[in-house]
Structure formats: C-alpha cells, structure tokens
Amino acid sequence: MLLDNHGRKINYLRLAVTDRCNLRCFYCMPEEGLDWLSRKELMTYEEMLQACSLLVKMGIEKIRITGGEPFVRKDIMKLLTALSKLDGLKELSITTNGVLTAPHVAELKEIGVRSVNLSLDTLDANRFFAITRRDEFANVMETMHELLKHDIEVKINTVVMAGKNTQDIIPLVELTKELPVSVRFIEEMPFNGDGHSYSGIVWDYVKIFDEIRHTFPDIQKVPDPLYSTSYNYQIPDHKGSIGIIAAYSRTFCGTCNRIRITPQGTLKNCLYDDGVLNIKDLMRAGVNTIELEETLRAAFNSREKDGWQAEQKRKENPNFHESMATIGG
C-alpha cells in the first residue's frame, strides 16, 4: 500500500497525454490557444507505460487518461490498450470532450474501459459554441449516446460559471430523468492559462445545490463512495444521479488519493501545486527503476496537507501560471 506523509492512501493516477485540445473553452485557455509543447518535450508512450507500470507495482490501482484532449494525440488507442494489460491495474478510465471519441467507443469497451468522464458545460448548441469557440456540440452528444449504447458509465463534468451557463444547471439535472448518467457540477477553478488573477467564485457547491433543490425539493443525499471528490445525490424516479464537486472550496483534501503526471512528465501531488519532480527527465537521465521508485516515494512523503497549502506555495512564484489543458483537468 502506498501512503503519503499524512497517512492518506495513494492509489489513483491522472495521466495527461497531451496539452493540445480541439476546443478553446474560455475558462481553460486563450482563444488563440497556448504555446504547445514540442514533441520532444512530451513523454513518449513508452515512457508513460514505463512510469505507469512502476506506479502500479507501487500501489496505483486506477489510472485516468486526460489531456488536453486525449484523442487528439495520434495512436492513443495503442497506449490505452497497453495500459489495460498492466498486471495489478484495477481500473482504466478516460476524461474526454467527446469531439473525436465516438468512433473509438466499441474498442474502449473491448479493452475494458468501464467509465468515461465527458466534459459538457451546456445542452444548448449556441452556448456550447460561445463557451468552447467551436461548433462541435453534435459530435459530443453522439459520443454520449454511443457510450451509453455500449453500457459504458457516463459521468458528465460541468464547470459552473456565473453569467455563462448557470441557466443550464436544471436542464442538465433533467437529463438524469431518462438517461443513466451522472451529472457532476464543478466549481470553477483558477487555471485559465493566461496568468490573469482569480478572485474567487460566486457559484460554490452550496449555491449550486440550493439552485437544484429549488426545482427538485425531493432531492436526496446518497452515500459518497470512498475517496469521492463529489457530494452525491439522487432525485426519486430519475435513472441518473447528481454530483457536486467542491474543486475550488477543496473540502475533500483530507481523503485525497490521487496524483497527477503532466504531458511533459511533471509529477504533481496536488492539482494546485507547481510540480514536485519531472519523471521524464529522470528517465532520460538514465535513472534506474530502483532509484526512480525511491525518488517517487520521497515525493509522496512530502505532500501538502491540502490544496490551500499547495496553492500558497505556488503563489511564491509570481510568474507561474497554468492552464487546465497542461495539467490534466
């Protein structure tokens, strides 16, 4: 079992395979995009597989593949297939925006992917375009229905933003009436990639819940799974469920079981830290497996207590800023 210095079990890795994305969501990156990483700066699939193999042997049981958008990286299914065969890995899942995903759903089912997180901030095509700056709503909806057709669990991730999509909260909740999807509303986070300051949020998890309860007063709290980052709810007679993730409020840090690896190989003990070491650089410098494991264990033994503490340390570097696209959000 892999434990950190606060006694928290670490068994979940979020691996970002690319910083690139085929959408331009305004809360994630500037309209013109980012200064994309060069190919040599990215971890190769072989390096990712080597790192994941070691981490699974150390105690990682679940790997989620993220980006940017995972399916914009060439031959992503080769990596997913190889990861699915790792001895000891209990769960392989993906977060995607759904634009390019539909043609791969049958193969995802075949290699054992049981759950996919689908990023979708609105059910209105015009607002989708306004938020993402791309006309891809139909493709995302096709992916959702294709996943459901193949009995793959669908979790819809919706970032709630004042003045942008709060009118979509209730329509998204209503989606759970007839479809067995989990709609998870996420507090907006301070990662826009342009270095602008962030002064907090209006729509926190309490306000989101109150908005839902006003229309659905019979909404019921259900038990949260172990290590859950969401407060989970059920509305009677609805096939799906609701989750609210306090991503900015950070109410779940005490049970955090996850680590992240960015596309360039940076290990992050917390979404809010600025990285603790670079796995890719260590591998390319010729560090052997035993030395790499020792280095990783030392990193896990110096995790911050919570996201607030991690963010405070990163603020000591005034020029440091990230986009969700570069850290697997």
Protein backbone atom coordinates (compact mmCIF):
# COMPACT_ATOMS: atom_id res chain seq x y z
CA MET A 1 0.00 0.00 0.00
CA LEU A 2 1.24 3.45 -0.94
CA LEU A 3 0.77 6.10 1.77
CA ASP A 4 1.74 9.76 1.96
CA ASN A 5 3.12 11.69 4.94
CA HIS A 6 -0.43 12.40 6.16
CA GLY A 7 -1.44 8.74 6.17
CA ARG A 8 -3.56 9.08 3.04
CA LYS A 9 -3.62 6.15 0.64
CA ILE A 10 -2.41 6.92 -2.88
CA ASN A 11 -3.96 4.60 -5.46
CA TYR A 12 -5.17 6.85 -8.29
CA LEU A 13 -3.12 8.40 -11.10
CA ARG A 14 -4.35 11.00 -13.57
CA LEU A 15 -2.07 10.90 -16.61
CA ALA A 16 -2.30 13.75 -19.11
CA VAL A 17 -1.11 12.53 -22.50
CA THR A 18 -1.14 15.89 -24.33
CA ASP A 19 -1.56 19.60 -23.68
CA ARG A 20 -3.35 20.08 -27.00
CA CYS A 21 -7.09 20.34 -27.39
CA ASN A 22 -9.52 20.76 -30.28
CA LEU A 23 -11.76 23.10 -28.25
CA ARG A 24 -10.92 26.55 -26.90
CA CYS A 25 -13.03 26.77 -23.75
CA PHE A 26 -12.58 30.29 -22.45
CA TYR A 27 -12.00 29.18 -18.85
CA CYS A 28 -9.19 26.86 -19.89
CA MET A 29 -7.12 28.72 -22.45
CA PRO A 30 -6.95 31.85 -24.61
CA GLU A 31 -8.87 31.81 -27.92
CA GLU A 32 -5.66 31.60 -29.95
CA GLY A 33 -4.58 28.53 -27.97
CA LEU A 34 -1.38 28.06 -25.98
CA ASP A 35 2.30 27.73 -26.74
CA TRP A 36 2.04 23.99 -27.35
CA LEU A 37 4.75 21.67 -26.15
CA SER A 38 7.13 20.36 -28.79
CA ARG A 39 7.18 16.64 -29.42
CA LYS A 40 10.47 16.15 -27.60
CA GLU A 41 9.06 17.87 -24.50
CA LEU A 42 6.22 15.34 -24.28
CA MET A 43 6.58 11.97 -22.64
CA THR A 44 6.63 9.21 -25.21
CA TYR A 45 4.10 6.41 -24.93
CA GLU A 46 6.95 4.10 -23.94
CA GLU A 47 7.92 6.45 -21.09
CA MET A 48 4.30 6.72 -19.96
CA LEU A 49 3.91 2.96 -19.96
CA GLN A 50 7.17 2.53 -18.02
CA ALA A 51 6.11 5.09 -15.41
CA CYS A 52 2.64 3.62 -15.07
CA SER A 53 3.98 0.09 -14.77
CA LEU A 54 6.22 1.16 -11.88
CA LEU A 55 3.46 3.12 -10.16
CA VAL A 56 1.03 0.20 -10.42
CA LYS A 57 3.63 -2.05 -8.80
CA MET A 58 3.97 0.56 -6.04
CA GLY A 59 0.22 0.63 -5.35
CA ILE A 60 -1.64 2.62 -8.02
CA GLU A 61 -4.89 0.79 -8.80
CA LYS A 62 -6.70 3.27 -11.05
CA ILE A 63 -5.41 5.31 -13.99
CA ARG A 64 -7.41 8.03 -15.70
CA ILE A 65 -6.17 9.28 -19.06
CA THR A 66 -6.69 13.02 -19.58
CA GLY A 67 -5.32 15.88 -21.65
CA GLY A 68 -5.81 18.47 -23.08
CA GLU A 69 -7.95 16.18 -25.17
CA PRO A 70 -6.55 12.62 -25.20
CA PHE A 71 -7.97 11.70 -28.60
CA VAL A 72 -6.07 14.43 -30.44
CA ARG A 73 -2.83 12.55 -29.75
CA LYS A 74 -2.02 10.12 -32.53
CA ASP A 75 -2.43 6.40 -31.81
CA ILE A 76 -3.87 6.96 -28.33
CA MET A 77 -5.64 3.60 -28.51
CA LYS A 78 -2.25 1.86 -28.59
CA LEU A 79 -1.36 3.38 -25.23
CA LEU A 80 -4.79 2.64 -23.77
CA THR A 81 -4.58 -0.98 -24.90
CA ALA A 82 -1.11 -1.41 -23.39
CA LEU A 83 -2.19 0.18 -20.10
CA SER A 84 -5.25 -2.07 -19.92
CA LYS A 85 -2.92 -5.07 -19.79
CA LEU A 86 -0.88 -3.90 -16.78
CA ASP A 87 -0.93 -6.57 -14.10
CA GLY A 88 -2.45 -5.11 -10.93
CA LEU A 89 -4.33 -2.24 -12.55
CA LYS A 90 -7.97 -2.48 -11.47
CA GLU A 91 -9.48 0.39 -13.44
CA LEU A 92 -8.65 2.37 -16.58
CA SER A 93 -10.83 5.36 -17.39
CA ILE A 94 -10.77 8.46 -19.59
CA THR A 95 -11.77 12.10 -19.47
CA THR A 96 -12.66 13.49 -22.91
CA ASN A 97 -14.55 16.35 -24.51
CA GLY A 98 -16.19 13.82 -26.82
CA VAL A 99 -15.43 15.54 -30.12
CA LEU A 100 -13.34 12.68 -31.56
CA THR A 101 -14.34 9.87 -29.21
CA ALA A 102 -17.39 8.21 -30.79
CA PRO A 103 -15.50 6.09 -33.37
CA HIS A 104 -13.37 4.54 -30.59
CA VAL A 105 -16.16 3.60 -28.16
CA ALA A 106 -16.50 -0.03 -29.25
CA GLU A 107 -12.76 -0.55 -28.84
CA LEU A 108 -12.79 1.18 -25.46
CA LYS A 109 -15.42 -1.30 -24.34
CA GLU A 110 -13.35 -4.17 -25.73
CA ILE A 111 -10.21 -3.26 -23.74
CA GLY A 112 -12.17 -2.93 -20.51
CA VAL A 113 -12.83 0.79 -20.10
CA ARG A 114 -15.95 0.90 -17.91
CA SER A 115 -16.27 4.61 -17.20
CA VAL A 116 -15.77 7.81 -19.21
CA ASN A 117 -15.97 11.39 -17.96
CA LEU A 118 -17.47 13.61 -20.63
CA SER A 119 -16.80 17.35 -20.36
CA LEU A 120 -20.01 19.21 -21.25
CA ASP A 121 -20.92 22.63 -19.85
CA THR A 122 -24.27 23.15 -21.59
CA LEU A 123 -27.03 21.37 -23.52
CA ASP A 124 -27.60 24.43 -25.69
CA ALA A 125 -25.71 24.35 -29.02
CA ASN A 126 -25.33 28.12 -29.18
CA ARG A 127 -23.95 28.39 -25.65
CA PHE A 128 -21.69 25.42 -26.39
CA PHE A 129 -20.18 27.42 -29.23
CA ALA A 130 -19.87 30.52 -27.06
CA ILE A 131 -18.06 28.57 -24.32
CA THR A 132 -15.85 26.34 -26.49
CA ARG A 133 -15.44 28.62 -29.54
CA ARG A 134 -16.02 25.54 -31.71
CA ASP A 135 -19.13 24.08 -33.40
CA GLU A 136 -18.81 20.51 -32.10
CA PHE A 137 -21.93 20.05 -29.94
CA ALA A 138 -23.44 17.34 -32.20
CA ASN A 139 -20.26 15.23 -32.02
CA VAL A 140 -20.19 15.41 -28.22
CA MET A 141 -23.81 14.29 -27.96
CA GLU A 142 -23.13 11.45 -30.39
CA THR A 143 -20.30 10.29 -28.13
CA MET A 144 -22.57 10.37 -25.07
CA HIS A 145 -25.20 8.19 -26.73
CA GLU A 146 -22.58 5.85 -28.17
CA LEU A 147 -21.08 5.31 -24.70
CA LEU A 148 -24.49 4.57 -23.23
CA LYS A 149 -25.27 2.17 -26.07
CA HIS A 150 -22.14 0.20 -25.17
CA ASP A 151 -23.01 0.20 -21.46
CA ILE A 152 -20.05 2.38 -20.51
CA GLU A 153 -20.73 4.53 -17.44
CA VAL A 154 -21.02 8.21 -18.38
CA LYS A 155 -20.14 10.98 -15.97
CA ILE A 156 -20.83 14.44 -17.35
CA ASN A 157 -18.48 17.11 -15.97
CA THR A 158 -19.96 20.61 -15.98
CA VAL A 159 -18.00 23.65 -14.82
CA VAL A 160 -20.48 26.14 -13.33
CA MET A 161 -19.67 29.73 -14.30
CA ALA A 162 -21.54 32.86 -13.29
CA GLY A 163 -23.07 34.66 -16.26
CA LYS A 164 -22.14 31.86 -18.67
CA ASN A 165 -24.05 28.64 -18.06
CA THR A 166 -25.93 28.72 -14.76
CA GLN A 167 -29.18 28.52 -16.78
CA ASP A 168 -28.01 25.05 -17.84
CA ILE A 169 -27.95 23.58 -14.33
CA ILE A 170 -31.60 22.50 -14.32
CA PRO A 171 -31.66 21.17 -17.94
CA LEU A 172 -28.60 19.07 -17.13
CA VAL A 173 -30.26 17.76 -13.98
CA GLU A 174 -33.33 16.90 -16.06
CA LEU A 175 -31.08 14.85 -18.34
CA THR A 176 -30.79 12.34 -15.49
CA LYS A 177 -34.51 11.61 -15.55
CA GLU A 178 -34.43 9.43 -18.65
CA LEU A 179 -30.71 8.68 -19.01
CA PRO A 180 -28.49 6.69 -16.59
CA VAL A 181 -25.82 9.39 -16.48
CA SER A 182 -24.14 11.06 -13.54
CA VAL A 183 -24.07 14.84 -13.96
CA ARG A 184 -21.35 16.41 -11.81
CA PHE A 185 -21.32 20.16 -11.33
CA ILE A 186 -17.82 21.51 -10.67
CA GLU A 187 -16.81 24.76 -9.03
CA GLU A 188 -14.76 26.94 -11.36
CA MET A 189 -11.01 26.79 -10.72
CA PRO A 190 -8.21 29.36 -11.22
CA PHE A 191 -6.49 27.75 -14.20
CA ASN A 192 -7.04 29.74 -17.38
CA GLY A 193 -3.56 29.62 -18.84
CA ASP A 194 -3.17 33.37 -19.29
CA GLY A 195 -1.83 34.38 -15.90
CA HIS A 196 -4.81 36.59 -15.03
CA SER A 197 -5.63 36.92 -11.36
CA TYR A 198 -8.51 34.97 -9.85
CA SER A 199 -10.56 36.45 -7.07
CA GLY A 200 -12.75 33.53 -6.07
CA ILE A 201 -16.10 32.13 -7.16
CA VAL A 202 -19.76 33.08 -6.91
CA TRP A 203 -21.24 29.65 -7.60
CA ASP A 204 -19.78 27.46 -4.88
CA TYR A 205 -21.05 23.98 -4.05
CA VAL A 206 -23.65 25.30 -1.59
CA LYS A 207 -25.16 27.70 -4.13
CA ILE A 208 -25.21 25.01 -6.81
CA PHE A 209 -27.07 22.63 -4.52
CA ASP A 210 -29.58 25.32 -3.50
CA GLU A 211 -30.29 26.01 -7.18
CA ILE A 212 -31.06 22.33 -7.79
CA ARG A 213 -33.08 21.90 -4.62
CA HIS A 214 -35.28 24.88 -5.53
CA THR A 215 -36.58 22.97 -8.58
CA PHE A 216 -36.22 19.47 -7.13
CA PRO A 217 -37.07 19.77 -3.41
CA ASP A 218 -37.20 15.97 -3.06
CA ILE A 219 -33.53 15.56 -3.98
CA GLN A 220 -31.89 13.08 -1.62
CA LYS A 221 -28.33 12.71 -0.37
CA VAL A 222 -26.82 9.31 -1.10
CA PRO A 223 -23.65 7.78 0.38
CA ASP A 224 -20.43 9.06 -1.18
CA PRO A 225 -18.03 6.35 -2.41
CA LEU A 226 -14.65 6.03 -0.70
CA TYR A 227 -12.30 8.83 -1.83
CA SER A 228 -15.14 10.59 -3.63
CA THR A 229 -14.50 14.21 -4.61
CA SER A 230 -18.21 14.83 -5.09
CA TYR A 231 -21.22 15.21 -2.84
CA ASN A 232 -23.68 12.78 -4.41
CA TYR A 233 -27.46 12.99 -4.75
CA GLN A 234 -30.42 11.18 -6.26
CA ILE A 235 -33.79 12.51 -7.37
CA PRO A 236 -36.63 9.99 -6.97
CA ASP A 237 -37.65 8.28 -10.25
CA HIS A 238 -34.57 9.59 -12.09
CA LYS A 239 -32.38 6.99 -13.80
CA GLY A 240 -29.23 9.03 -13.33
CA SER A 241 -27.61 10.84 -10.42
CA ILE A 242 -26.15 14.21 -9.43
CA GLY A 243 -22.75 15.10 -8.04
CA ILE A 244 -21.34 18.43 -6.87
CA ILE A 245 -17.55 18.81 -6.75
CA ALA A 246 -16.11 21.49 -4.47
CA ALA A 247 -13.00 21.82 -6.62
CA TYR A 248 -12.24 25.39 -5.53
CA SER A 249 -13.51 25.07 -1.95
CA ARG A 250 -11.38 21.92 -1.59
CA THR A 251 -13.48 20.14 1.02
CA PHE A 252 -12.17 16.69 0.05
CA CYS A 253 -8.41 17.12 0.56
CA GLY A 254 -8.41 15.06 3.75
CA THR A 255 -9.09 11.88 1.79
CA CYS A 256 -7.22 12.72 -1.41
CA ASN A 257 -5.89 9.56 -3.02
CA ARG A 258 -4.67 10.95 -6.36
CA ILE A 259 -1.53 12.13 -8.04
CA ARG A 260 -1.04 13.65 -11.49
CA ILE A 261 1.52 13.44 -14.25
CA THR A 262 1.50 16.22 -16.84
CA PRO A 263 2.24 15.65 -20.57
CA GLN A 264 5.85 16.73 -20.06
CA GLY A 265 6.31 14.32 -17.16
CA THR A 266 5.90 16.61 -14.16
CA LEU A 267 4.59 14.82 -11.09
CA LYS A 268 2.00 16.83 -9.17
CA ASN A 269 1.00 15.71 -5.69
CA CYS A 270 -1.89 18.20 -5.87
CA LEU A 271 -3.82 19.95 -8.61
CA TYR A 272 -2.80 23.24 -7.01
CA ASP A 273 0.94 22.66 -6.63
CA ASP A 274 3.51 23.64 -9.26
CA GLY A 275 5.08 20.20 -9.59
CA VAL A 276 7.46 18.27 -7.37
CA LEU A 277 9.73 16.49 -9.87
CA ASN A 278 9.97 15.51 -13.52
CA ILE A 279 9.72 11.78 -14.20
CA LYS A 280 10.55 12.09 -17.90
CA ASP A 281 13.78 13.98 -17.19
CA LEU A 282 14.83 11.38 -14.63
CA MET A 283 14.19 8.55 -17.09
CA ARG A 284 16.11 10.28 -19.87
CA ALA A 285 18.98 10.94 -17.48
CA GLY A 286 19.31 7.18 -17.03
CA VAL A 287 17.91 6.76 -13.52
CA ASN A 288 17.20 3.10 -12.92
CA THR A 289 13.91 1.69 -11.68
CA ILE A 290 15.02 1.33 -8.05
CA GLU A 291 16.28 4.92 -7.90
CA LEU A 292 13.11 6.20 -9.58
CA GLU A 293 10.92 4.37 -7.07
CA GLU A 294 12.91 5.81 -4.16
CA THR A 295 12.58 9.30 -5.63
CA LEU A 296 8.82 8.88 -6.09
CA ARG A 297 8.34 7.60 -2.54
CA ALA A 298 10.24 10.60 -1.19
CA ALA A 299 7.96 12.90 -3.20
CA PHE A 300 4.82 11.20 -1.89
CA ASN A 301 6.19 11.57 1.60
CA SER A 302 6.23 15.35 1.26
CA ARG A 303 2.69 16.04 0.05
CA GLU A 304 1.00 19.22 1.15
CA LYS A 305 -1.80 18.89 3.69
CA ASP A 306 -4.39 20.37 1.32
CA GLY A 307 -4.90 22.41 -1.83
CA TRP A 308 -4.79 25.71 0.03
CA GLN A 309 -1.31 25.00 1.34
CA ALA A 310 -0.18 23.84 -2.09
CA GLU A 311 -1.59 26.96 -3.76
CA GLN A 312 0.11 29.24 -1.23
CA LYS A 313 3.49 27.76 -2.11
CA ARG A 314 2.90 28.16 -5.82
CA LYS A 315 1.97 31.81 -5.30
CA GLU A 316 5.52 32.38 -4.11
CA ASN A 317 6.39 32.20 -7.82
CA PRO A 318 4.54 35.23 -9.29
CA ASN A 319 5.30 34.23 -12.89
CA PHE A 320 3.89 30.73 -12.57
CA HIS A 321 0.53 30.07 -14.17
CA GLU A 322 -1.06 27.06 -15.85
CA SER A 323 -3.98 26.06 -17.98
CA MET A 324 -6.16 23.06 -17.22
CA ALA A 325 -5.02 21.78 -20.62
CA THR A 326 -1.47 21.39 -19.34
CA ILE A 327 -2.27 19.64 -16.04
CA GLY A 328 -4.93 17.13 -16.98
CA GLY A 329 -8.02 18.98 -15.86
